[in-house]
N, C-alpha and C. Protein backbone atom coordinates (compact mmCIF):
# COMPACT_ATOMS: atom_id res chain seq x y z
N MET A 1 -22.49 1.58 -3.96
CA MET A 1 -21.45 1.98 -4.88
C MET A 1 -22.07 2.33 -6.22
N ASN A 2 -21.47 3.22 -6.92
CA ASN A 2 -22.02 3.63 -8.20
C ASN A 2 -21.06 3.24 -9.33
N PRO A 3 -21.54 3.31 -10.58
CA PRO A 3 -20.70 2.86 -11.71
C PRO A 3 -19.37 3.59 -11.82
N SER A 4 -19.26 4.80 -11.28
CA SER A 4 -18.01 5.52 -11.44
C SER A 4 -16.90 5.01 -10.50
N PHE A 5 -17.23 4.07 -9.60
CA PHE A 5 -16.20 3.44 -8.77
C PHE A 5 -15.12 2.84 -9.68
N GLY A 6 -15.56 2.05 -10.66
CA GLY A 6 -14.62 1.41 -11.58
C GLY A 6 -13.85 2.41 -12.41
N THR A 7 -14.50 3.51 -12.78
CA THR A 7 -13.84 4.57 -13.53
C THR A 7 -12.71 5.17 -12.71
N ARG A 8 -12.95 5.38 -11.42
CA ARG A 8 -11.91 5.95 -10.55
C ARG A 8 -10.76 4.96 -10.35
N VAL A 9 -11.10 3.67 -10.21
CA VAL A 9 -10.04 2.66 -10.09
C VAL A 9 -9.16 2.69 -11.33
N ARG A 10 -9.79 2.72 -12.51
CA ARG A 10 -9.03 2.74 -13.76
C ARG A 10 -8.17 3.99 -13.85
N ARG A 11 -8.73 5.16 -13.52
CA ARG A 11 -7.98 6.41 -13.61
C ARG A 11 -6.74 6.37 -12.71
N LEU A 12 -6.93 5.91 -11.45
CA LEU A 12 -5.79 5.85 -10.52
C LEU A 12 -4.75 4.84 -10.98
N ARG A 13 -5.22 3.72 -11.50
CA ARG A 13 -4.29 2.69 -12.00
C ARG A 13 -3.48 3.25 -13.17
N GLN A 14 -4.15 3.92 -14.09
CA GLN A 14 -3.47 4.46 -15.26
C GLN A 14 -2.54 5.62 -14.90
N GLU A 15 -2.91 6.41 -13.88
CA GLU A 15 -2.02 7.49 -13.43
C GLU A 15 -0.69 6.94 -12.95
N ARG A 16 -0.70 5.71 -12.46
CA ARG A 16 0.52 5.07 -11.99
C ARG A 16 1.22 4.28 -13.09
N SER A 17 0.63 4.28 -14.27
CA SER A 17 1.14 3.50 -15.41
C SER A 17 1.19 2.01 -15.10
N TRP A 18 0.19 1.55 -14.35
CA TRP A 18 0.10 0.14 -14.00
C TRP A 18 -0.84 -0.56 -14.97
N SER A 19 -0.51 -1.78 -15.30
CA SER A 19 -1.44 -2.62 -16.05
C SER A 19 -2.44 -3.20 -15.06
N GLN A 20 -3.49 -3.81 -15.59
CA GLN A 20 -4.43 -4.48 -14.69
C GLN A 20 -3.73 -5.63 -13.98
N GLN A 21 -2.76 -6.25 -14.63
CA GLN A 21 -2.00 -7.33 -14.00
C GLN A 21 -1.21 -6.81 -12.80
N GLU A 22 -0.63 -5.62 -12.93
CA GLU A 22 0.14 -5.04 -11.83
C GLU A 22 -0.78 -4.78 -10.64
N LEU A 23 -1.96 -4.21 -10.90
CA LEU A 23 -2.92 -3.97 -9.82
C LEU A 23 -3.39 -5.30 -9.23
N SER A 24 -3.54 -6.29 -10.06
CA SER A 24 -3.93 -7.62 -9.59
C SER A 24 -2.88 -8.19 -8.62
N LEU A 25 -1.61 -8.07 -8.98
CA LEU A 25 -0.53 -8.56 -8.11
C LEU A 25 -0.50 -7.81 -6.79
N ARG A 26 -0.72 -6.50 -6.85
CA ARG A 26 -0.66 -5.68 -5.65
C ARG A 26 -1.86 -5.88 -4.74
N SER A 27 -3.02 -6.20 -5.32
CA SER A 27 -4.25 -6.30 -4.53
C SER A 27 -4.66 -7.73 -4.22
N GLY A 28 -4.15 -8.68 -4.99
CA GLY A 28 -4.57 -10.07 -4.80
C GLY A 28 -5.95 -10.34 -5.40
N ILE A 29 -6.39 -9.50 -6.30
CA ILE A 29 -7.68 -9.66 -6.98
C ILE A 29 -7.38 -10.04 -8.42
N SER A 30 -8.11 -11.00 -8.98
CA SER A 30 -7.80 -11.47 -10.32
C SER A 30 -7.93 -10.36 -11.36
N THR A 31 -7.14 -10.48 -12.41
CA THR A 31 -7.17 -9.49 -13.49
C THR A 31 -8.56 -9.41 -14.15
N PRO A 32 -9.22 -10.54 -14.45
CA PRO A 32 -10.56 -10.43 -15.03
C PRO A 32 -11.56 -9.72 -14.10
N HIS A 33 -11.42 -9.94 -12.81
CA HIS A 33 -12.32 -9.29 -11.85
C HIS A 33 -12.07 -7.77 -11.86
N ILE A 34 -10.81 -7.37 -11.88
CA ILE A 34 -10.47 -5.94 -11.95
C ILE A 34 -11.03 -5.34 -13.23
N SER A 35 -10.88 -6.04 -14.34
CA SER A 35 -11.41 -5.56 -15.61
C SER A 35 -12.92 -5.35 -15.53
N SER A 36 -13.63 -6.30 -14.93
CA SER A 36 -15.08 -6.19 -14.79
C SER A 36 -15.47 -5.01 -13.91
N ILE A 37 -14.70 -4.78 -12.85
CA ILE A 37 -14.97 -3.64 -11.95
C ILE A 37 -14.77 -2.34 -12.70
N GLU A 38 -13.65 -2.24 -13.42
CA GLU A 38 -13.35 -1.01 -14.15
C GLU A 38 -14.39 -0.70 -15.22
N ARG A 39 -14.96 -1.73 -15.83
CA ARG A 39 -15.98 -1.53 -16.86
C ARG A 39 -17.38 -1.36 -16.27
N GLY A 40 -17.50 -1.43 -14.94
CA GLY A 40 -18.80 -1.26 -14.30
C GLY A 40 -19.70 -2.47 -14.43
N LYS A 41 -19.14 -3.62 -14.80
CA LYS A 41 -19.92 -4.85 -14.94
C LYS A 41 -20.11 -5.57 -13.61
N ARG A 42 -19.17 -5.33 -12.69
CA ARG A 42 -19.24 -5.92 -11.35
C ARG A 42 -18.94 -4.84 -10.33
N PHE A 43 -19.49 -5.03 -9.15
CA PHE A 43 -19.18 -4.16 -8.03
C PHE A 43 -18.43 -4.99 -7.01
N PRO A 44 -17.35 -4.45 -6.48
CA PRO A 44 -16.53 -5.24 -5.55
C PRO A 44 -17.21 -5.37 -4.19
N SER A 45 -16.86 -6.43 -3.49
CA SER A 45 -17.27 -6.56 -2.09
C SER A 45 -16.52 -5.49 -1.31
N LEU A 46 -16.93 -5.27 -0.08
CA LEU A 46 -16.24 -4.29 0.75
C LEU A 46 -14.77 -4.68 0.90
N GLU A 47 -14.51 -5.97 1.09
CA GLU A 47 -13.12 -6.42 1.23
C GLU A 47 -12.30 -6.09 -0.01
N TYR A 48 -12.85 -6.35 -1.19
CA TYR A 48 -12.12 -6.06 -2.43
C TYR A 48 -11.96 -4.55 -2.63
N ALA A 49 -12.98 -3.78 -2.29
CA ALA A 49 -12.89 -2.33 -2.42
C ALA A 49 -11.76 -1.80 -1.53
N LEU A 50 -11.68 -2.32 -0.30
CA LEU A 50 -10.61 -1.91 0.62
C LEU A 50 -9.24 -2.32 0.08
N ARG A 51 -9.14 -3.52 -0.48
CA ARG A 51 -7.87 -3.98 -1.03
C ARG A 51 -7.44 -3.13 -2.22
N LEU A 52 -8.39 -2.75 -3.06
CA LEU A 52 -8.07 -1.88 -4.20
C LEU A 52 -7.59 -0.52 -3.71
N ALA A 53 -8.32 0.05 -2.74
CA ALA A 53 -7.93 1.36 -2.21
C ALA A 53 -6.53 1.30 -1.60
N GLU A 54 -6.28 0.27 -0.81
CA GLU A 54 -4.97 0.14 -0.17
C GLU A 54 -3.86 -0.04 -1.21
N SER A 55 -4.12 -0.86 -2.21
CA SER A 55 -3.12 -1.09 -3.25
C SER A 55 -2.82 0.19 -4.02
N LEU A 56 -3.84 1.00 -4.24
CA LEU A 56 -3.66 2.25 -4.97
C LEU A 56 -3.15 3.38 -4.08
N GLY A 57 -3.11 3.13 -2.77
CA GLY A 57 -2.59 4.13 -1.85
C GLY A 57 -3.54 5.29 -1.60
N VAL A 58 -4.85 5.00 -1.64
CA VAL A 58 -5.85 6.05 -1.42
C VAL A 58 -6.85 5.58 -0.37
N PRO A 59 -7.54 6.51 0.29
CA PRO A 59 -8.60 6.10 1.20
C PRO A 59 -9.79 5.57 0.38
N LEU A 60 -10.59 4.72 0.96
CA LEU A 60 -11.73 4.14 0.26
C LEU A 60 -12.66 5.23 -0.26
N SER A 61 -12.79 6.32 0.47
CA SER A 61 -13.68 7.41 0.03
C SER A 61 -13.26 7.97 -1.33
N ALA A 62 -11.97 7.91 -1.65
CA ALA A 62 -11.50 8.41 -2.95
C ALA A 62 -12.05 7.58 -4.10
N LEU A 63 -12.40 6.33 -3.83
CA LEU A 63 -12.97 5.47 -4.87
C LEU A 63 -14.50 5.50 -4.88
N CYS A 64 -15.10 5.77 -3.73
CA CYS A 64 -16.56 5.67 -3.60
C CYS A 64 -17.29 7.00 -3.75
N ASP A 65 -16.68 8.08 -3.38
CA ASP A 65 -17.35 9.37 -3.31
C ASP A 65 -17.03 10.21 -4.54
N GLU A 66 -18.05 10.47 -5.36
CA GLU A 66 -17.85 11.26 -6.58
C GLU A 66 -17.30 12.65 -6.29
N SER A 67 -17.66 13.20 -5.13
CA SER A 67 -17.24 14.57 -4.82
C SER A 67 -15.84 14.62 -4.20
N SER A 68 -15.25 13.45 -3.97
CA SER A 68 -13.91 13.41 -3.37
C SER A 68 -12.90 14.04 -4.31
N THR A 69 -12.10 14.93 -3.77
CA THR A 69 -11.06 15.58 -4.56
C THR A 69 -9.68 15.13 -4.09
N PHE A 70 -9.63 13.94 -3.53
CA PHE A 70 -8.38 13.41 -3.01
C PHE A 70 -7.32 13.38 -4.11
N GLN A 71 -6.16 13.90 -3.80
CA GLN A 71 -5.03 13.87 -4.72
C GLN A 71 -4.08 12.79 -4.25
N PRO A 72 -3.99 11.67 -4.97
CA PRO A 72 -3.15 10.57 -4.51
C PRO A 72 -1.69 10.94 -4.50
N PRO A 73 -0.93 10.34 -3.57
CA PRO A 73 0.50 10.61 -3.53
C PRO A 73 1.19 10.06 -4.76
N LYS A 74 2.31 10.65 -5.12
CA LYS A 74 3.10 10.18 -6.25
C LYS A 74 3.72 8.84 -5.87
N MET A 75 3.50 7.84 -6.70
CA MET A 75 4.03 6.52 -6.42
C MET A 75 4.90 6.07 -7.59
N LYS A 76 5.83 5.21 -7.30
CA LYS A 76 6.62 4.61 -8.36
C LYS A 76 5.69 3.72 -9.19
N SER A 77 5.91 3.67 -10.48
CA SER A 77 5.08 2.86 -11.35
C SER A 77 5.31 1.38 -11.14
N SER A 78 6.53 1.05 -10.80
CA SER A 78 6.89 -0.35 -10.69
C SER A 78 8.10 -0.48 -9.76
N PRO A 79 8.22 -1.63 -9.09
CA PRO A 79 9.40 -1.82 -8.24
C PRO A 79 10.70 -1.74 -9.04
N TYR A 80 10.62 -1.98 -10.34
CA TYR A 80 11.83 -1.98 -11.16
C TYR A 80 12.40 -0.59 -11.36
N GLU A 81 11.66 0.46 -10.95
CA GLU A 81 12.19 1.82 -11.01
C GLU A 81 13.04 2.15 -9.78
N LEU A 82 13.02 1.27 -8.79
CA LEU A 82 13.76 1.48 -7.56
C LEU A 82 15.20 0.99 -7.72
N PRO A 83 16.11 1.44 -6.84
CA PRO A 83 17.47 0.89 -6.85
C PRO A 83 17.41 -0.63 -6.61
N LEU A 84 18.40 -1.34 -7.09
CA LEU A 84 18.40 -2.80 -7.05
C LEU A 84 18.19 -3.36 -5.65
N TYR A 85 18.86 -2.77 -4.63
CA TYR A 85 18.70 -3.32 -3.27
C TYR A 85 17.26 -3.17 -2.78
N LEU A 86 16.55 -2.10 -3.20
CA LEU A 86 15.14 -1.95 -2.82
C LEU A 86 14.24 -2.87 -3.63
N GLN A 87 14.59 -3.11 -4.89
CA GLN A 87 13.83 -4.06 -5.70
C GLN A 87 13.83 -5.43 -5.03
N ASN A 88 15.02 -5.85 -4.61
CA ASN A 88 15.13 -7.16 -3.96
C ASN A 88 14.29 -7.22 -2.70
N PHE A 89 14.26 -6.13 -1.94
CA PHE A 89 13.47 -6.09 -0.72
C PHE A 89 11.98 -6.12 -1.04
N VAL A 90 11.53 -5.25 -1.94
CA VAL A 90 10.12 -5.13 -2.26
C VAL A 90 9.57 -6.42 -2.87
N LEU A 91 10.36 -7.05 -3.72
CA LEU A 91 9.88 -8.24 -4.41
C LEU A 91 10.02 -9.51 -3.57
N ASN A 92 10.66 -9.40 -2.41
CA ASN A 92 10.81 -10.54 -1.51
C ASN A 92 9.54 -10.69 -0.69
N GLU A 93 8.97 -11.86 -0.69
CA GLU A 93 7.69 -12.08 0.01
C GLU A 93 7.77 -11.76 1.50
N SER A 94 8.92 -11.95 2.10
CA SER A 94 9.04 -11.69 3.55
C SER A 94 8.98 -10.20 3.86
N ALA A 95 9.08 -9.33 2.85
CA ALA A 95 9.00 -7.89 3.06
C ALA A 95 7.57 -7.39 3.20
N THR A 96 6.59 -8.21 2.85
CA THR A 96 5.19 -7.78 2.83
C THR A 96 4.73 -7.14 4.13
N PRO A 97 4.97 -7.73 5.32
CA PRO A 97 4.50 -7.07 6.54
C PRO A 97 5.11 -5.68 6.75
N TYR A 98 6.37 -5.51 6.38
CA TYR A 98 7.02 -4.21 6.53
C TYR A 98 6.42 -3.19 5.58
N LEU A 99 6.16 -3.62 4.34
CA LEU A 99 5.57 -2.71 3.36
C LEU A 99 4.14 -2.34 3.75
N GLN A 100 3.38 -3.29 4.29
CA GLN A 100 2.03 -2.99 4.73
C GLN A 100 2.05 -2.00 5.89
N THR A 101 2.98 -2.17 6.81
CA THR A 101 3.10 -1.25 7.94
C THR A 101 3.52 0.14 7.46
N ALA A 102 4.45 0.19 6.52
CA ALA A 102 4.88 1.48 5.98
C ALA A 102 3.71 2.18 5.29
N HIS A 103 2.90 1.41 4.58
CA HIS A 103 1.73 2.01 3.92
C HIS A 103 0.75 2.57 4.95
N ARG A 104 0.47 1.79 6.00
CA ARG A 104 -0.45 2.27 7.05
C ARG A 104 0.11 3.51 7.72
N LEU A 105 1.41 3.53 7.95
CA LEU A 105 2.06 4.70 8.55
C LEU A 105 1.90 5.92 7.64
N SER A 106 2.02 5.73 6.34
CA SER A 106 1.93 6.85 5.40
C SER A 106 0.53 7.45 5.32
N THR A 107 -0.49 6.72 5.76
CA THR A 107 -1.86 7.24 5.69
C THR A 107 -2.30 7.93 6.97
N LEU A 108 -1.44 7.94 7.99
CA LEU A 108 -1.79 8.60 9.25
C LEU A 108 -1.67 10.12 9.12
N PRO A 109 -2.35 10.85 9.99
CA PRO A 109 -2.15 12.31 10.01
C PRO A 109 -0.67 12.62 10.28
N ARG A 110 -0.21 13.73 9.76
CA ARG A 110 1.22 14.09 9.83
C ARG A 110 1.78 14.05 11.25
N GLU A 111 1.03 14.60 12.22
CA GLU A 111 1.55 14.63 13.61
C GLU A 111 1.77 13.21 14.14
N ASP A 112 0.82 12.32 13.89
CA ASP A 112 0.95 10.93 14.34
C ASP A 112 2.11 10.25 13.63
N ARG A 113 2.20 10.49 12.33
CA ARG A 113 3.27 9.88 11.54
C ARG A 113 4.64 10.34 12.03
N ASP A 114 4.77 11.64 12.31
CA ASP A 114 6.05 12.18 12.79
C ASP A 114 6.42 11.59 14.14
N LEU A 115 5.43 11.47 15.03
CA LEU A 115 5.69 10.89 16.36
C LEU A 115 6.14 9.43 16.25
N LEU A 116 5.43 8.65 15.45
CA LEU A 116 5.81 7.24 15.30
C LEU A 116 7.17 7.09 14.63
N THR A 117 7.46 7.93 13.66
CA THR A 117 8.76 7.89 13.00
C THR A 117 9.87 8.19 13.99
N LEU A 118 9.66 9.19 14.83
CA LEU A 118 10.65 9.53 15.86
C LEU A 118 10.85 8.36 16.82
N MET A 119 9.75 7.74 17.24
CA MET A 119 9.85 6.59 18.15
C MET A 119 10.62 5.44 17.51
N ILE A 120 10.34 5.17 16.25
CA ILE A 120 11.04 4.08 15.55
C ILE A 120 12.53 4.40 15.45
N ASP A 121 12.85 5.66 15.12
CA ASP A 121 14.26 6.06 15.05
C ASP A 121 14.96 5.87 16.39
N LEU A 122 14.29 6.29 17.47
CA LEU A 122 14.89 6.14 18.80
C LEU A 122 15.07 4.68 19.18
N LEU A 123 14.07 3.87 18.88
CA LEU A 123 14.18 2.44 19.20
C LEU A 123 15.28 1.75 18.39
N SER A 124 15.45 2.17 17.15
CA SER A 124 16.47 1.53 16.34
C SER A 124 17.89 1.93 16.77
N GLN A 125 18.01 3.06 17.47
CA GLN A 125 19.31 3.50 17.96
C GLN A 125 19.66 2.88 19.30
N THR A 126 18.65 2.41 20.02
CA THR A 126 18.87 1.83 21.34
C THR A 126 19.35 0.40 21.18
N ARG A 127 20.43 0.12 21.80
CA ARG A 127 20.96 -1.24 21.76
C ARG A 127 20.91 -1.80 23.18
N HIS A 128 20.15 -2.83 23.33
CA HIS A 128 20.05 -3.46 24.63
C HIS A 128 21.07 -4.60 24.69
N VAL A 129 22.08 -4.39 25.45
CA VAL A 129 23.10 -5.41 25.59
C VAL A 129 22.82 -6.19 26.85
N ILE A 130 22.58 -7.45 26.68
CA ILE A 130 22.31 -8.32 27.82
C ILE A 130 23.61 -9.02 28.17
N PRO A 131 24.11 -8.79 29.37
CA PRO A 131 25.38 -9.43 29.73
C PRO A 131 25.24 -10.96 29.78
N ALA A 132 26.30 -11.62 29.40
CA ALA A 132 26.29 -13.07 29.45
C ALA A 132 26.23 -13.53 30.89
N PRO A 133 25.54 -14.61 31.15
CA PRO A 133 25.46 -15.09 32.54
C PRO A 133 26.85 -15.47 33.04
N MET A 134 27.05 -15.19 34.29
CA MET A 134 28.33 -15.49 34.89
C MET A 134 28.40 -16.99 35.15
N ALA A 135 29.54 -17.53 34.81
CA ALA A 135 29.73 -18.97 35.01
C ALA A 135 29.99 -19.22 36.48
N THR A 136 29.33 -20.23 36.98
CA THR A 136 29.59 -20.64 38.39
C THR A 136 30.27 -21.99 38.36
N HIS A 137 31.33 -22.09 39.10
CA HIS A 137 32.09 -23.34 39.12
C HIS A 137 31.92 -24.02 40.43
């Protein structure tokens, strides 16, 4: 990794209008550690680099490769910009697996994403009604 890794983390964080605390909450990495990475004083482990990339919604190459011209997707700056019912969902700890799955889905190639979305829609429309067991007297 090179010193510009931290510069790219800072740029992406600031593009989202996130504080280091916000990135810390999203990535599970302490605020002082993020600050050190952004200033080039520390280099993250592979695990931390992956967590930062995932939190920022970019592939790891966007943080590591100087020649990467990846254009990150537009993201909300904060859950508080969402409608109240979505805020409650996003800020609820039990929503984490769903949000992680949605993020992974969003990083797939378009054809794969469209196919999986169609499958999820079809499955959610299917109602399996299991008849109650017949009583025997």
